[in-house]
Amino acid sequence: MKRWITKGLVLLAVSFVPPTEIKAQELKGLTTLSDRRPLRIKTFFRKRVCPAHEYAAEFLAASDKQKLDWKLLPSIAFVESTGGKVFSNNNIFGWDSCRHRFPSVIAGIHTVADHLANSPLYRGKSIDEKLKTYNAQPHYRIAVKKVMAQLEMEPIPY
């Protein structure tokens, strides 16, 4: 019963999108003509009223540095903490069941990115394999990959 409730809550969190107006002036300076990723992350989180919108540039910096898919870190953060709405210890990724304390959310973003890229547990694995190691529940991989797909297709306001 507990597994079903957890699965339902994760999938509900992924599918819930409260309406919020995004103002174009809030998004200026976050993108270039060739790189729309920061705008997609910022818009995705802002539409869902998630504090993690503040970390769009950090998600990308960490992802690019570690050669991770740019959608992976924000998607894990969304599934684990609803984009920074519920977390402790500056740990928006639920890393080590939220027991791990990071000095800041930004430090957590870079630490988790480093582990996902370089730790022997994750190094050289596909996204599915990384997610299976991160959380072995099959519904978890589905939830994170659904968010990744939403980020990829996030419409950008002009």
C-alpha atoms as a PDB file:
ATOM      1  CA  MET A   1       0.000   0.000   0.000  1.00  0.00           C
ATOM      2  CA  LYS A   2       2.806   2.400   0.943  1.00  0.00           C
ATOM      3  CA  ARG A   3       4.551   1.852  -2.428  1.00  0.00           C
ATOM      4  CA  TRP A   4       1.340   2.715  -4.322  1.00  0.00           C
ATOM      5  CA  ILE A   5       0.833   5.904  -2.299  1.00  0.00           C
ATOM      6  CA  THR A   6       4.432   7.000  -2.920  1.00  0.00           C
ATOM      7  CA  LYS A   7       4.119   6.259  -6.632  1.00  0.00           C
ATOM      8  CA  GLY A   8       0.879   8.216  -6.828  1.00  0.00           C
ATOM      9  CA  LEU A   9       2.346  11.213  -5.004  1.00  0.00           C
ATOM     10  CA  VAL A  10       5.395  11.356  -7.278  1.00  0.00           C
ATOM     11  CA  LEU A  11       3.296  11.123 -10.423  1.00  0.00           C
ATOM     12  CA  LEU A  12       0.826  13.673  -9.052  1.00  0.00           C
ATOM     13  CA  ALA A  13       3.651  16.106  -8.300  1.00  0.00           C
ATOM     14  CA  VAL A  14       5.030  15.683 -11.807  1.00  0.00           C
ATOM     15  CA  SER A  15       1.687  16.299 -13.477  1.00  0.00           C
ATOM     16  CA  PHE A  16       0.496  19.223 -11.315  1.00  0.00           C
ATOM     17  CA  VAL A  17       1.025  22.588 -12.976  1.00  0.00           C
ATOM     18  CA  PRO A  18      -0.624  25.557 -11.258  1.00  0.00           C
ATOM     19  CA  PRO A  19      -1.199  28.538 -13.542  1.00  0.00           C
ATOM     20  CA  THR A  20       1.297  31.347 -13.098  1.00  0.00           C
ATOM     21  CA  GLU A  21       2.073  34.302 -15.323  1.00  0.00           C
ATOM     22  CA  ILE A  22       5.668  34.517 -16.498  1.00  0.00           C
ATOM     23  CA  LYS A  23       6.844  38.016 -17.245  1.00  0.00           C
ATOM     24  CA  ALA A  24       9.271  38.326 -20.148  1.00  0.00           C
ATOM     25  CA  GLN A  25      11.395  40.913 -18.315  1.00  0.00           C
ATOM     26  CA  GLU A  26      12.123  38.323 -15.593  1.00  0.00           C
ATOM     27  CA  LEU A  27      13.681  36.070 -18.203  1.00  0.00           C
ATOM     28  CA  LYS A  28      15.889  38.583 -20.016  1.00  0.00           C
ATOM     29  CA  GLY A  29      19.603  37.941 -19.862  1.00  0.00           C
ATOM     30  CA  LEU A  30      19.173  34.219 -19.244  1.00  0.00           C
ATOM     31  CA  THR A  31      19.627  33.022 -22.777  1.00  0.00           C
ATOM     32  CA  THR A  32      21.326  33.619 -26.068  1.00  0.00           C
ATOM     33  CA  LEU A  33      20.036  32.950 -29.541  1.00  0.00           C
ATOM     34  CA  SER A  34      21.978  29.692 -29.588  1.00  0.00           C
ATOM     35  CA  ASP A  35      21.237  28.467 -26.051  1.00  0.00           C
ATOM     36  CA  ARG A  36      17.616  28.477 -24.887  1.00  0.00           C
ATOM     37  CA  ARG A  37      18.190  25.962 -22.066  1.00  0.00           C
ATOM     38  CA  PRO A  38      18.383  28.467 -19.193  1.00  0.00           C
ATOM     39  CA  LEU A  39      15.105  29.992 -20.288  1.00  0.00           C
ATOM     40  CA  ARG A  40      13.435  26.589 -20.496  1.00  0.00           C
ATOM     41  CA  ILE A  41      14.551  25.664 -16.958  1.00  0.00           C
ATOM     42  CA  LYS A  42      13.614  29.048 -15.504  1.00  0.00           C
ATOM     43  CA  THR A  43      10.210  29.041 -17.232  1.00  0.00           C
ATOM     44  CA  PHE A  44       9.471  25.435 -16.223  1.00  0.00           C
ATOM     45  CA  PHE A  45      10.096  26.135 -12.527  1.00  0.00           C
ATOM     46  CA  ARG A  46       8.456  29.580 -12.491  1.00  0.00           C
ATOM     47  CA  LYS A  47       5.240  28.246 -14.030  1.00  0.00           C
ATOM     48  CA  ARG A  48       5.087  25.738 -11.196  1.00  0.00           C
ATOM     49  CA  VAL A  49       6.008  28.332  -8.545  1.00  0.00           C
ATOM     50  CA  CYS A  50       9.206  26.474  -7.640  1.00  0.00           C
ATOM     51  CA  PRO A  51      12.083  28.249  -5.906  1.00  0.00           C
ATOM     52  CA  ALA A  52      14.585  26.267  -8.015  1.00  0.00           C
ATOM     53  CA  HIS A  53      14.038  28.764 -10.851  1.00  0.00           C
ATOM     54  CA  GLU A  54      16.801  30.762  -9.147  1.00  0.00           C
ATOM     55  CA  TYR A  55      19.314  28.006  -9.951  1.00  0.00           C
ATOM     56  CA  ALA A  56      18.764  27.639 -13.708  1.00  0.00           C
ATOM     57  CA  ALA A  57      22.277  28.852 -14.508  1.00  0.00           C
ATOM     58  CA  GLU A  58      23.823  26.595 -11.842  1.00  0.00           C
ATOM     59  CA  PHE A  59      22.006  23.499 -13.117  1.00  0.00           C
ATOM     60  CA  LEU A  60      23.446  24.226 -16.556  1.00  0.00           C
ATOM     61  CA  ALA A  61      26.941  25.103 -15.362  1.00  0.00           C
ATOM     62  CA  ALA A  62      27.160  21.877 -13.366  1.00  0.00           C
ATOM     63  CA  SER A  63      25.639  19.786 -16.157  1.00  0.00           C
ATOM     64  CA  ASP A  64      27.930  21.223 -18.807  1.00  0.00           C
ATOM     65  CA  LYS A  65      31.029  20.890 -16.633  1.00  0.00           C
ATOM     66  CA  GLN A  66      30.271  17.219 -15.924  1.00  0.00           C
ATOM     67  CA  LYS A  67      28.932  16.466 -19.433  1.00  0.00           C
ATOM     68  CA  LEU A  68      25.504  15.438 -18.116  1.00  0.00           C
ATOM     69  CA  ASP A  69      22.219  15.839 -19.973  1.00  0.00           C
ATOM     70  CA  TRP A  70      21.136  19.405 -19.123  1.00  0.00           C
ATOM     71  CA  LYS A  71      17.650  18.231 -18.130  1.00  0.00           C
ATOM     72  CA  LEU A  72      18.761  15.615 -15.578  1.00  0.00           C
ATOM     73  CA  LEU A  73      19.607  17.788 -12.550  1.00  0.00           C
ATOM     74  CA  PRO A  74      16.537  20.056 -12.668  1.00  0.00           C
ATOM     75  CA  SER A  75      14.315  17.014 -13.238  1.00  0.00           C
ATOM     76  CA  ILE A  76      15.693  15.150 -10.229  1.00  0.00           C
ATOM     77  CA  ALA A  77      15.301  18.337  -8.157  1.00  0.00           C
ATOM     78  CA  PHE A  78      11.680  18.633  -9.284  1.00  0.00           C
ATOM     79  CA  VAL A  79      10.812  15.033  -8.434  1.00  0.00           C
ATOM     80  CA  GLU A  80      12.726  14.995  -5.133  1.00  0.00           C
ATOM     81  CA  SER A  81      11.792  18.389  -3.692  1.00  0.00           C
ATOM     82  CA  THR A  82       9.122  19.731  -6.057  1.00  0.00           C
ATOM     83  CA  GLY A  83      11.709  22.115  -7.405  1.00  0.00           C
ATOM     84  CA  GLY A  84      12.920  23.328  -4.045  1.00  0.00           C
ATOM     85  CA  LYS A  85       9.554  23.605  -2.294  1.00  0.00           C
ATOM     86  CA  VAL A  86      10.224  20.907   0.317  1.00  0.00           C
ATOM     87  CA  PHE A  87      13.767  19.990   1.330  1.00  0.00           C
ATOM     88  CA  SER A  88      16.255  20.155   4.178  1.00  0.00           C
ATOM     89  CA  ASN A  89      19.996  20.595   4.589  1.00  0.00           C
ATOM     90  CA  ASN A  90      20.274  22.572   1.304  1.00  0.00           C
ATOM     91  CA  ASN A  91      19.615  19.219  -0.364  1.00  0.00           C
ATOM     92  CA  ILE A  92      17.058  19.691  -3.166  1.00  0.00           C
ATOM     93  CA  PHE A  93      18.017  16.319  -4.683  1.00  0.00           C
ATOM     94  CA  GLY A  94      17.138  14.093  -1.741  1.00  0.00           C
ATOM     95  CA  TRP A  95      20.767  12.935  -1.897  1.00  0.00           C
ATOM     96  CA  ASP A  96      21.441  10.226   0.720  1.00  0.00           C
ATOM     97  CA  SER A  97      17.764  10.335   1.740  1.00  0.00           C
ATOM     98  CA  CYS A  98      18.250  14.036   2.616  1.00  0.00           C
ATOM     99  CA  ARG A  99      20.727  13.153   5.362  1.00  0.00           C
ATOM    100  CA  HIS A 100      23.612  14.774   3.497  1.00  0.00           C
ATOM    101  CA  ARG A 101      24.091  18.430   4.402  1.00  0.00           C
ATOM    102  CA  PHE A 102      25.384  20.804   1.758  1.00  0.00           C
ATOM    103  CA  PRO A 103      26.806  24.225   2.646  1.00  0.00           C
ATOM    104  CA  SER A 104      24.432  25.752   0.082  1.00  0.00           C
ATOM    105  CA  VAL A 105      21.948  24.665  -2.585  1.00  0.00           C
ATOM    106  CA  ILE A 106      24.517  25.644  -5.218  1.00  0.00           C
ATOM    107  CA  ALA A 107      27.162  23.452  -3.572  1.00  0.00           C
ATOM    108  CA  GLY A 108      24.632  20.615  -3.600  1.00  0.00           C
ATOM    109  CA  ILE A 109      23.972  21.072  -7.313  1.00  0.00           C
ATOM    110  CA  HIS A 110      27.662  20.841  -8.141  1.00  0.00           C
ATOM    111  CA  THR A 111      28.344  17.964  -5.739  1.00  0.00           C
ATOM    112  CA  VAL A 112      25.475  15.840  -7.048  1.00  0.00           C
ATOM    113  CA  ALA A 113      26.488  16.592 -10.654  1.00  0.00           C
ATOM    114  CA  ASP A 114      30.057  15.518  -9.872  1.00  0.00           C
ATOM    115  CA  HIS A 115      28.860  12.259  -8.303  1.00  0.00           C
ATOM    116  CA  LEU A 116      26.468  11.483 -11.168  1.00  0.00           C
ATOM    117  CA  ALA A 117      29.317  11.950 -13.645  1.00  0.00           C
ATOM    118  CA  ASN A 118      32.368  10.639 -11.824  1.00  0.00           C
ATOM    119  CA  SER A 119      31.452   8.312  -8.966  1.00  0.00           C
ATOM    120  CA  PRO A 120      32.129   4.640  -9.737  1.00  0.00           C
ATOM    121  CA  LEU A 121      28.449   4.022  -8.982  1.00  0.00           C
ATOM    122  CA  TYR A 122      27.354   6.288 -11.875  1.00  0.00           C
ATOM    123  CA  ARG A 123      30.297   6.844 -14.225  1.00  0.00           C
ATOM    124  CA  GLY A 124      29.731   5.614 -17.788  1.00  0.00           C
ATOM    125  CA  LYS A 125      26.090   4.707 -17.222  1.00  0.00           C
ATOM    126  CA  SER A 126      23.125   5.772 -19.343  1.00  0.00           C
ATOM    127  CA  ILE A 127      20.484   8.066 -17.864  1.00  0.00           C
ATOM    128  CA  ASP A 128      18.233   5.064 -17.168  1.00  0.00           C
ATOM    129  CA  GLU A 129      21.082   3.268 -15.405  1.00  0.00           C
ATOM    130  CA  LYS A 130      22.016   6.375 -13.406  1.00  0.00           C
ATOM    131  CA  LEU A 131      18.398   6.839 -12.336  1.00  0.00           C
ATOM    132  CA  LYS A 132      18.071   3.165 -11.401  1.00  0.00           C
ATOM    133  CA  THR A 133      21.140   3.538  -9.178  1.00  0.00           C
ATOM    134  CA  TYR A 134      19.833   6.829  -7.737  1.00  0.00           C
ATOM    135  CA  ASN A 135      16.441   5.304  -6.893  1.00  0.00           C
ATOM    136  CA  ALA A 136      15.669   1.698  -7.810  1.00  0.00           C
ATOM    137  CA  GLN A 137      11.878   2.167  -7.917  1.00  0.00           C
ATOM    138  CA  PRO A 138      10.704   1.882 -11.559  1.00  0.00           C
ATOM    139  CA  HIS A 139       8.180   4.693 -11.140  1.00  0.00           C
ATOM    140  CA  TYR A 140      11.032   7.018 -10.174  1.00  0.00           C
ATOM    141  CA  ARG A 141      12.756   6.698 -13.555  1.00  0.00           C
ATOM    142  CA  ILE A 142       9.417   7.260 -15.282  1.00  0.00           C
ATOM    143  CA  ALA A 143       8.750  10.408 -13.229  1.00  0.00           C
ATOM    144  CA  VAL A 144      12.201  11.938 -13.810  1.00  0.00           C
ATOM    145  CA  LYS A 145      12.137  11.164 -17.524  1.00  0.00           C
ATOM    146  CA  LYS A 146       8.664  12.701 -17.810  1.00  0.00           C
ATOM    147  CA  VAL A 147       9.993  15.932 -16.316  1.00  0.00           C
ATOM    148  CA  MET A 148      12.992  15.785 -18.663  1.00  0.00           C
ATOM    149  CA  ALA A 149      10.598  15.544 -21.621  1.00  0.00           C
ATOM    150  CA  GLN A 150       8.585  18.497 -20.304  1.00  0.00           C
ATOM    151  CA  LEU A 151      11.753  20.583 -19.965  1.00  0.00           C
ATOM    152  CA  GLU A 152      12.760  19.733 -23.527  1.00  0.00           C
ATOM    153  CA  MET A 153       9.424  20.995 -24.841  1.00  0.00           C
ATOM    154  CA  GLU A 154       8.853  23.897 -22.434  1.00  0.00           C
ATOM    155  CA  PRO A 155       7.441  26.821 -24.428  1.00  0.00           C
ATOM    156  CA  ILE A 156       9.437  29.988 -23.946  1.00  0.00           C
ATOM    157  CA  PRO A 157       7.458  33.231 -23.531  1.00  0.00           C
ATOM    158  CA  TYR A 158       8.548  36.125 -25.692  1.00  0.00           C
END
